[in-house]
Amino acid sequence: MPIRFCPFSFGTLGSELDTFFSEMEGRAENLASRSESLKTIAKNAVPRITGDFHVDLCETPGEIIITCDLPGIEKEDVSVKLLNESSLLIKTKYDREVSQTDASGIYHLRERRAGAGERVIRLPAEVSAEGAKASFKNGIMEITLQKTAQDTGVPIDIE
């Protein structure tokens, strides 16, 4: 079987990379020129996923159902807030006593930790706080939100 070479121009690749980095530099300068803290600039420059928990979001004709896995977290350490008609904030905290030893010896591996998680969930439809329900059982939280009726606009008569 003969070897076939694909024509490729490193000059084109270099040009594309130059354009890409130029655009990124322009974006960074634009963000840095605003009078914001570095933390805010970093948040806006790079999209990020926050929180240490997984979420399922399901939309039915009348509801939005959000299910979160929150293993090892107590119900009292979770808060849920509807920020507006299309955003939900979930905050968690988990405090574990951190010591170097226990009654049986010295730790050689410490992967469990204390901390907090926070996620803002963008909802696919507008919802109302009225009728919202949340349940928490065995480390799984389920939030049910009622969708609001969408205003379809004002009809205009055609002459």
N, C-alpha and C. Protein backbone atom coordinates (compact mmCIF):
# COMPACT_ATOMS: atom_id res chain seq x y z
N MET A 1 0.84 -1.18 0.00
CA MET A 1 0.00 0.00 0.00
C MET A 1 0.89 1.24 0.00
N PRO A 2 0.72 2.10 -0.97
CA PRO A 2 1.57 3.30 -1.04
C PRO A 2 1.21 4.29 0.06
N ILE A 3 2.20 5.01 0.52
CA ILE A 3 2.00 6.05 1.53
C ILE A 3 1.55 7.32 0.82
N ARG A 4 0.46 7.91 1.31
CA ARG A 4 -0.06 9.15 0.71
C ARG A 4 0.14 10.28 1.70
N PHE A 5 0.69 11.33 1.24
CA PHE A 5 0.91 12.49 2.08
C PHE A 5 -0.21 13.50 1.88
N CYS A 6 -0.60 14.10 2.98
CA CYS A 6 -1.64 15.12 2.92
C CYS A 6 -0.95 16.48 2.85
N PRO A 7 -1.29 17.28 1.86
CA PRO A 7 -0.65 18.59 1.78
C PRO A 7 -1.06 19.43 2.98
N PHE A 8 -0.08 19.97 3.68
CA PHE A 8 -0.35 20.75 4.88
C PHE A 8 0.64 21.91 4.92
N SER A 9 0.14 23.07 5.25
CA SER A 9 1.00 24.24 5.29
C SER A 9 1.20 24.69 6.72
N PHE A 10 2.44 24.62 7.19
CA PHE A 10 2.74 25.11 8.53
C PHE A 10 2.60 26.62 8.60
N GLY A 11 2.76 27.28 7.47
CA GLY A 11 2.55 28.73 7.43
C GLY A 11 1.12 29.09 7.76
N THR A 12 0.16 28.32 7.25
CA THR A 12 -1.25 28.56 7.54
C THR A 12 -1.54 28.31 9.01
N LEU A 13 -0.98 27.24 9.57
CA LEU A 13 -1.17 26.95 10.99
C LEU A 13 -0.62 28.08 11.85
N GLY A 14 0.56 28.56 11.51
CA GLY A 14 1.15 29.66 12.26
C GLY A 14 0.30 30.91 12.20
N SER A 15 -0.25 31.20 11.04
CA SER A 15 -1.11 32.36 10.86
C SER A 15 -2.37 32.23 11.71
N GLU A 16 -2.97 31.04 11.72
CA GLU A 16 -4.17 30.80 12.53
C GLU A 16 -3.87 30.97 14.02
N LEU A 17 -2.72 30.44 14.46
CA LEU A 17 -2.34 30.59 15.87
C LEU A 17 -2.09 32.05 16.23
N ASP A 18 -1.45 32.79 15.36
CA ASP A 18 -1.22 34.23 15.60
C ASP A 18 -2.54 34.96 15.76
N THR A 19 -3.50 34.67 14.89
CA THR A 19 -4.82 35.30 14.97
C THR A 19 -5.51 34.94 16.28
N PHE A 20 -5.46 33.67 16.66
CA PHE A 20 -6.09 33.21 17.90
C PHE A 20 -5.50 33.94 19.11
N PHE A 21 -4.17 33.98 19.22
CA PHE A 21 -3.54 34.62 20.37
C PHE A 21 -3.77 36.12 20.37
N SER A 22 -3.86 36.73 19.22
CA SER A 22 -4.16 38.15 19.12
C SER A 22 -5.55 38.44 19.68
N GLU A 23 -6.52 37.61 19.30
CA GLU A 23 -7.87 37.79 19.81
C GLU A 23 -7.93 37.59 21.32
N MET A 24 -7.22 36.59 21.84
CA MET A 24 -7.21 36.34 23.29
C MET A 24 -6.56 37.51 24.03
N GLU A 25 -5.50 38.07 23.46
CA GLU A 25 -4.84 39.22 24.09
C GLU A 25 -5.79 40.41 24.13
N GLY A 26 -6.53 40.63 23.04
CA GLY A 26 -7.50 41.72 22.99
C GLY A 26 -8.58 41.55 24.04
N ARG A 27 -9.07 40.33 24.19
CA ARG A 27 -10.10 40.07 25.20
C ARG A 27 -9.56 40.32 26.61
N ALA A 28 -8.34 39.87 26.87
CA ALA A 28 -7.73 40.06 28.20
C ALA A 28 -7.54 41.54 28.49
N GLU A 29 -7.07 42.31 27.51
CA GLU A 29 -6.89 43.76 27.71
C GLU A 29 -8.23 44.44 27.95
N ASN A 30 -9.27 44.03 27.23
CA ASN A 30 -10.59 44.59 27.41
C ASN A 30 -11.09 44.34 28.82
N LEU A 31 -10.94 43.11 29.32
CA LEU A 31 -11.38 42.81 30.68
C LEU A 31 -10.55 43.55 31.72
N ALA A 32 -9.24 43.62 31.51
CA ALA A 32 -8.36 44.27 32.49
C ALA A 32 -8.59 45.77 32.55
N SER A 33 -9.09 46.37 31.48
CA SER A 33 -9.29 47.81 31.47
C SER A 33 -10.50 48.23 32.31
N ARG A 34 -11.38 47.28 32.59
CA ARG A 34 -12.53 47.59 33.44
C ARG A 34 -12.07 47.74 34.88
N SER A 35 -12.82 48.51 35.66
CA SER A 35 -12.44 48.72 37.06
C SER A 35 -13.08 47.63 37.92
N GLU A 36 -12.57 46.41 37.77
CA GLU A 36 -13.06 45.28 38.53
C GLU A 36 -11.89 44.63 39.25
N SER A 37 -12.20 43.86 40.27
CA SER A 37 -11.15 43.14 40.96
C SER A 37 -10.62 42.02 40.06
N LEU A 38 -9.43 41.53 40.35
CA LEU A 38 -8.85 40.45 39.56
C LEU A 38 -9.71 39.19 39.64
N LYS A 39 -10.33 38.96 40.79
CA LYS A 39 -11.20 37.79 40.94
C LYS A 39 -12.38 37.87 39.97
N THR A 40 -12.98 39.03 39.85
CA THR A 40 -14.11 39.22 38.94
C THR A 40 -13.65 39.08 37.50
N ILE A 41 -12.49 39.63 37.18
CA ILE A 41 -11.95 39.52 35.82
C ILE A 41 -11.73 38.05 35.47
N ALA A 42 -11.17 37.29 36.39
CA ALA A 42 -10.92 35.87 36.13
C ALA A 42 -12.23 35.12 35.93
N LYS A 43 -13.24 35.47 36.71
CA LYS A 43 -14.55 34.82 36.56
C LYS A 43 -15.12 35.07 35.17
N ASN A 44 -14.98 36.31 34.68
CA ASN A 44 -15.56 36.67 33.39
C ASN A 44 -14.72 36.18 32.21
N ALA A 45 -13.43 36.04 32.40
CA ALA A 45 -12.55 35.66 31.30
C ALA A 45 -12.67 34.19 30.95
N VAL A 46 -12.81 33.35 31.94
CA VAL A 46 -12.83 31.92 31.71
C VAL A 46 -14.11 31.34 32.29
N PRO A 47 -14.92 30.65 31.49
CA PRO A 47 -16.11 30.01 32.05
C PRO A 47 -15.68 28.95 33.05
N ARG A 48 -16.43 28.79 34.10
CA ARG A 48 -16.04 27.81 35.09
C ARG A 48 -17.25 27.08 35.63
N ILE A 49 -16.99 25.92 36.16
CA ILE A 49 -18.02 25.14 36.84
C ILE A 49 -17.66 25.17 38.30
N THR A 50 -18.59 25.59 39.14
CA THR A 50 -18.32 25.65 40.56
C THR A 50 -19.11 24.59 41.28
N GLY A 51 -18.69 24.30 42.47
CA GLY A 51 -19.40 23.34 43.29
C GLY A 51 -18.80 21.95 43.13
N ASP A 52 -19.02 21.13 44.12
CA ASP A 52 -18.49 19.78 44.12
C ASP A 52 -19.60 18.76 44.06
N PHE A 53 -20.67 19.06 43.38
CA PHE A 53 -21.77 18.12 43.31
C PHE A 53 -22.34 18.07 41.90
N HIS A 54 -22.94 16.94 41.60
CA HIS A 54 -23.49 16.71 40.27
C HIS A 54 -24.98 17.00 40.27
N VAL A 55 -25.46 17.51 39.15
CA VAL A 55 -26.85 17.95 39.03
C VAL A 55 -27.47 17.35 37.78
N ASP A 56 -28.71 16.89 37.90
CA ASP A 56 -29.53 16.53 36.74
C ASP A 56 -30.64 17.57 36.65
N LEU A 57 -30.94 18.04 35.45
CA LEU A 57 -32.00 19.02 35.25
C LEU A 57 -32.96 18.44 34.22
N CYS A 58 -34.23 18.29 34.61
CA CYS A 58 -35.23 17.70 33.74
C CYS A 58 -36.38 18.69 33.57
N GLU A 59 -36.82 18.86 32.33
CA GLU A 59 -37.94 19.76 32.05
C GLU A 59 -39.12 18.94 31.57
N THR A 60 -40.26 19.14 32.22
CA THR A 60 -41.52 18.53 31.79
C THR A 60 -42.39 19.67 31.25
N PRO A 61 -43.55 19.38 30.72
CA PRO A 61 -44.39 20.47 30.21
C PRO A 61 -44.75 21.53 31.26
N GLY A 62 -44.85 21.15 32.54
CA GLY A 62 -45.26 22.14 33.54
C GLY A 62 -44.26 22.41 34.63
N GLU A 63 -43.14 21.62 34.68
CA GLU A 63 -42.20 21.75 35.79
C GLU A 63 -40.76 21.66 35.32
N ILE A 64 -39.88 22.12 36.21
CA ILE A 64 -38.46 21.87 36.07
C ILE A 64 -38.04 21.14 37.34
N ILE A 65 -37.37 20.00 37.17
CA ILE A 65 -36.96 19.18 38.30
C ILE A 65 -35.44 19.10 38.30
N ILE A 66 -34.84 19.50 39.43
CA ILE A 66 -33.40 19.48 39.59
C ILE A 66 -33.07 18.47 40.68
N THR A 67 -32.20 17.53 40.37
CA THR A 67 -31.78 16.52 41.34
C THR A 67 -30.28 16.66 41.54
N CYS A 68 -29.85 16.74 42.82
CA CYS A 68 -28.44 16.93 43.15
C CYS A 68 -27.95 15.79 44.02
N ASP A 69 -26.78 15.28 43.73
CA ASP A 69 -26.12 14.32 44.61
C ASP A 69 -25.27 15.10 45.60
N LEU A 70 -25.58 14.96 46.88
CA LEU A 70 -24.85 15.66 47.93
C LEU A 70 -24.41 14.65 48.99
N PRO A 71 -23.54 13.72 48.64
CA PRO A 71 -23.15 12.68 49.60
C PRO A 71 -22.39 13.27 50.79
N GLY A 72 -22.74 12.79 51.97
CA GLY A 72 -22.04 13.22 53.18
C GLY A 72 -22.42 14.59 53.69
N ILE A 73 -23.39 15.24 53.07
CA ILE A 73 -23.80 16.57 53.48
C ILE A 73 -25.15 16.47 54.17
N GLU A 74 -25.29 17.18 55.27
CA GLU A 74 -26.54 17.18 56.01
C GLU A 74 -27.50 18.21 55.41
N LYS A 75 -28.78 17.96 55.61
CA LYS A 75 -29.82 18.86 55.09
C LYS A 75 -29.62 20.29 55.60
N GLU A 76 -29.19 20.42 56.84
CA GLU A 76 -29.00 21.75 57.44
C GLU A 76 -27.86 22.53 56.80
N ASP A 77 -26.99 21.85 56.08
CA ASP A 77 -25.84 22.49 55.45
C ASP A 77 -26.05 22.82 53.98
N VAL A 78 -27.31 22.80 53.54
CA VAL A 78 -27.65 23.10 52.14
C VAL A 78 -28.63 24.26 52.12
N SER A 79 -28.42 25.20 51.20
CA SER A 79 -29.41 26.27 51.00
C SER A 79 -29.70 26.39 49.51
N VAL A 80 -30.96 26.68 49.22
CA VAL A 80 -31.41 26.83 47.83
C VAL A 80 -32.12 28.17 47.74
N LYS A 81 -31.78 28.93 46.69
CA LYS A 81 -32.40 30.25 46.51
C LYS A 81 -32.70 30.47 45.04
N LEU A 82 -33.93 30.88 44.75
CA LEU A 82 -34.30 31.25 43.39
C LEU A 82 -33.84 32.69 43.19
N LEU A 83 -32.82 32.89 42.35
CA LEU A 83 -32.25 34.23 42.16
C LEU A 83 -33.17 35.11 41.32
N ASN A 84 -33.71 34.53 40.27
CA ASN A 84 -34.67 35.21 39.40
C ASN A 84 -35.48 34.14 38.70
N GLU A 85 -36.23 34.50 37.70
CA GLU A 85 -37.11 33.54 37.04
C GLU A 85 -36.37 32.44 36.30
N SER A 86 -35.07 32.62 36.07
CA SER A 86 -34.36 31.62 35.28
C SER A 86 -33.02 31.18 35.88
N SER A 87 -32.80 31.47 37.17
CA SER A 87 -31.54 31.05 37.81
C SER A 87 -31.81 30.58 39.24
N LEU A 88 -31.15 29.49 39.59
CA LEU A 88 -31.28 28.90 40.92
C LEU A 88 -29.89 28.78 41.52
N LEU A 89 -29.73 29.16 42.79
CA LEU A 89 -28.45 29.08 43.49
C LEU A 89 -28.54 27.98 44.52
N ILE A 90 -27.58 27.06 44.49
CA ILE A 90 -27.49 26.00 45.49
C ILE A 90 -26.14 26.15 46.18
N LYS A 91 -26.16 26.25 47.51
CA LYS A 91 -24.94 26.36 48.30
C LYS A 91 -24.86 25.20 49.28
N THR A 92 -23.66 24.67 49.45
CA THR A 92 -23.44 23.61 50.41
C THR A 92 -22.22 23.93 51.24
N LYS A 93 -22.18 23.37 52.43
CA LYS A 93 -20.95 23.44 53.23
C LYS A 93 -20.79 22.08 53.89
N TYR A 94 -19.56 21.69 54.04
CA TYR A 94 -19.29 20.42 54.69
C TYR A 94 -18.07 20.62 55.56
N ASP A 95 -18.30 20.46 56.84
CA ASP A 95 -17.24 20.63 57.83
C ASP A 95 -16.88 19.28 58.40
N ARG A 96 -15.66 18.91 58.22
CA ARG A 96 -15.15 17.68 58.81
C ARG A 96 -13.98 18.06 59.70
N GLU A 97 -13.95 17.50 60.87
CA GLU A 97 -12.86 17.80 61.79
C GLU A 97 -11.56 17.32 61.18
N VAL A 98 -10.62 18.22 61.04
CA VAL A 98 -9.34 17.88 60.43
C VAL A 98 -8.28 17.83 61.51
N SER A 99 -7.77 16.64 61.78
CA SER A 99 -6.69 16.49 62.74
C SER A 99 -5.63 15.59 62.13
N GLN A 100 -4.44 15.64 62.66
CA GLN A 100 -3.35 14.85 62.11
C GLN A 100 -3.36 13.42 62.63
N THR A 101 -3.99 13.19 63.77
CA THR A 101 -4.03 11.85 64.34
C THR A 101 -5.41 11.57 64.88
N ASP A 102 -5.71 10.33 65.11
CA ASP A 102 -6.90 9.95 65.85
C ASP A 102 -6.45 8.93 66.90
N ALA A 103 -7.36 8.30 67.57
CA ALA A 103 -7.01 7.39 68.65
C ALA A 103 -6.18 6.20 68.16
N SER A 104 -6.31 5.85 66.88
CA SER A 104 -5.61 4.65 66.40
C SER A 104 -4.29 4.93 65.69
N GLY A 105 -3.95 6.18 65.41
CA GLY A 105 -2.67 6.40 64.77
C GLY A 105 -2.58 7.65 63.93
N ILE A 106 -1.58 7.67 63.04
CA ILE A 106 -1.29 8.82 62.19
C ILE A 106 -1.90 8.58 60.81
N TYR A 107 -2.46 9.62 60.23
CA TYR A 107 -3.02 9.52 58.88
C TYR A 107 -1.89 9.50 57.86
N HIS A 108 -1.99 8.62 56.90
CA HIS A 108 -1.04 8.58 55.79
C HIS A 108 -1.68 9.03 54.49
N LEU A 109 -2.99 9.15 54.48
CA LEU A 109 -3.73 9.62 53.32
C LEU A 109 -4.94 10.39 53.81
N ARG A 110 -5.13 11.63 53.32
CA ARG A 110 -6.28 12.46 53.70
C ARG A 110 -6.92 13.00 52.44
N GLU A 111 -7.99 12.36 51.98
CA GLU A 111 -8.70 12.83 50.79
C GLU A 111 -10.02 13.49 51.15
N ARG A 112 -10.59 13.16 52.30
CA ARG A 112 -11.83 13.80 52.74
C ARG A 112 -11.47 15.19 53.21
N ARG A 113 -12.34 16.15 52.94
CA ARG A 113 -11.99 17.52 53.28
C ARG A 113 -13.20 18.30 53.74
N ALA A 114 -12.92 19.48 54.26
CA ALA A 114 -13.98 20.41 54.64
C ALA A 114 -14.01 21.51 53.58
N GLY A 115 -15.16 22.15 53.42
CA GLY A 115 -15.23 23.23 52.44
C GLY A 115 -16.65 23.61 52.14
N ALA A 116 -16.82 24.22 51.00
CA ALA A 116 -18.14 24.67 50.58
C ALA A 116 -18.23 24.56 49.07
N GLY A 117 -19.45 24.42 48.57
CA GLY A 117 -19.69 24.38 47.14
C GLY A 117 -20.83 25.31 46.80
N GLU A 118 -20.82 25.79 45.60
CA GLU A 118 -21.86 26.72 45.15
C GLU A 118 -22.06 26.54 43.66
N ARG A 119 -23.32 26.44 43.24
CA ARG A 119 -23.62 26.35 41.82
C ARG A 119 -24.79 27.24 41.50
N VAL A 120 -24.69 27.93 40.39
CA VAL A 120 -25.83 28.66 39.85
C VAL A 120 -26.30 27.84 38.66
N ILE A 121 -27.56 27.42 38.72
CA ILE A 121 -28.13 26.60 37.66
C ILE A 121 -28.98 27.51 36.78
N ARG A 122 -28.64 27.59 35.51
CA ARG A 122 -29.45 28.35 34.54
C ARG A 122 -30.61 27.46 34.12
N LEU A 123 -31.80 27.94 34.30
CA LEU A 123 -32.99 27.15 34.01
C LEU A 123 -33.43 27.35 32.56
N PRO A 124 -33.94 26.30 31.91
CA PRO A 124 -34.31 26.41 30.50
C PRO A 124 -35.62 27.14 30.26
N ALA A 125 -36.36 27.44 31.32
CA ALA A 125 -37.62 28.16 31.19
C ALA A 125 -37.82 29.00 32.45
N GLU A 126 -38.69 29.99 32.36
CA GLU A 126 -38.97 30.82 33.53
C GLU A 126 -39.83 30.05 34.51
N VAL A 127 -39.52 30.24 35.81
CA VAL A 127 -40.25 29.54 36.86
C VAL A 127 -40.72 30.55 37.89
N SER A 128 -41.58 30.08 38.79
CA SER A 128 -42.10 30.90 39.86
C SER A 128 -41.71 30.27 41.18
N ALA A 129 -41.46 31.10 42.20
CA ALA A 129 -41.16 30.58 43.53
C ALA A 129 -42.40 29.98 44.16
N GLU A 130 -43.55 30.40 43.70
CA GLU A 130 -44.81 29.87 44.22
C GLU A 130 -44.93 28.40 43.84
N GLY A 131 -45.17 27.56 44.83
CA GLY A 131 -45.32 26.13 44.57
C GLY A 131 -44.02 25.37 44.49
N ALA A 132 -42.89 26.03 44.75
CA ALA A 132 -41.59 25.35 44.70
C ALA A 132 -41.49 24.37 45.86
N LYS A 133 -40.91 23.21 45.60
CA LYS A 133 -40.72 22.19 46.63
C LYS A 133 -39.31 21.67 46.56
N ALA A 134 -38.76 21.33 47.74
CA ALA A 134 -37.45 20.70 47.80
C ALA A 134 -37.49 19.59 48.83
N SER A 135 -36.90 18.45 48.50
CA SER A 135 -36.81 17.34 49.45
C SER A 135 -35.36 16.88 49.51
N PHE A 136 -34.99 16.30 50.66
CA PHE A 136 -33.62 15.84 50.87
C PHE A 136 -33.68 14.50 51.58
N LYS A 137 -33.13 13.47 50.94
CA LYS A 137 -33.14 12.14 51.55
C LYS A 137 -31.92 11.36 51.08
N ASN A 138 -31.19 10.78 52.03
CA ASN A 138 -30.02 9.95 51.74
C ASN A 138 -29.00 10.65 50.84
N GLY A 139 -28.75 11.94 51.08
CA GLY A 139 -27.75 12.67 50.31
C GLY A 139 -28.19 13.09 48.92
N ILE A 140 -29.47 12.96 48.62
CA ILE A 140 -29.99 13.38 47.31
C ILE A 140 -31.07 14.43 47.53
N MET A 141 -30.89 15.58 46.90
CA MET A 141 -31.87 16.65 47.00
C MET A 141 -32.60 16.76 45.67
N GLU A 142 -33.92 16.91 45.76
CA GLU A 142 -34.74 17.10 44.56
C GLU A 142 -35.53 18.39 44.73
N ILE A 143 -35.43 19.27 43.74
CA ILE A 143 -36.12 20.56 43.75
C ILE A 143 -37.09 20.55 42.57
N THR A 144 -38.35 20.89 42.85
CA THR A 144 -39.36 20.95 41.80
C THR A 144 -39.87 22.38 41.71
N LEU A 145 -39.77 22.97 40.53
CA LEU A 145 -40.21 24.35 40.30
C LEU A 145 -41.30 24.36 39.24
N GLN A 146 -42.32 25.16 39.48
CA GLN A 146 -43.42 25.28 38.52
C GLN A 146 -43.04 26.30 37.45
N LYS A 147 -43.21 25.91 36.20
CA LYS A 147 -42.93 26.84 35.11
C LYS A 147 -44.05 27.88 35.04
N THR A 148 -43.68 29.09 34.66
CA THR A 148 -44.69 30.15 34.50
C THR A 148 -45.21 30.10 33.08
N ALA A 149 -46.43 30.53 32.92
CA ALA A 149 -47.01 30.58 31.58
C ALA A 149 -46.28 31.64 30.77
N GLN A 150 -45.85 31.26 29.61
CA GLN A 150 -45.14 32.20 28.76
C GLN A 150 -46.12 33.15 28.08
N ASP A 151 -45.81 34.43 28.16
CA ASP A 151 -46.62 35.42 27.47
C ASP A 151 -46.28 35.33 25.99
N THR A 152 -47.27 35.06 25.19
CA THR A 152 -47.02 34.88 23.77
C THR A 152 -47.10 36.20 23.00
N GLY A 153 -47.27 37.29 23.73
CA GLY A 153 -47.30 38.60 23.09
C GLY A 153 -48.72 39.08 22.84
N VAL A 154 -48.83 40.23 22.26
CA VAL A 154 -50.12 40.83 21.96
C VAL A 154 -50.42 40.61 20.48
N PRO A 155 -51.57 40.02 20.19
CA PRO A 155 -51.89 39.80 18.77
C PRO A 155 -52.18 41.13 18.06
N ILE A 156 -51.78 41.18 16.82
CA ILE A 156 -52.00 42.39 16.00
C ILE A 156 -52.90 41.98 14.83
N ASP A 157 -53.99 42.72 14.68
CA ASP A 157 -54.90 42.44 13.57
C ASP A 157 -54.25 42.84 12.25
N ILE A 158 -54.45 42.01 11.29
CA ILE A 158 -53.93 42.29 9.94
C ILE A 158 -55.07 42.77 9.08
N GLU A 159 -54.89 43.90 8.43
CA GLU A 159 -55.94 44.47 7.58
C GLU A 159 -55.82 43.98 6.17
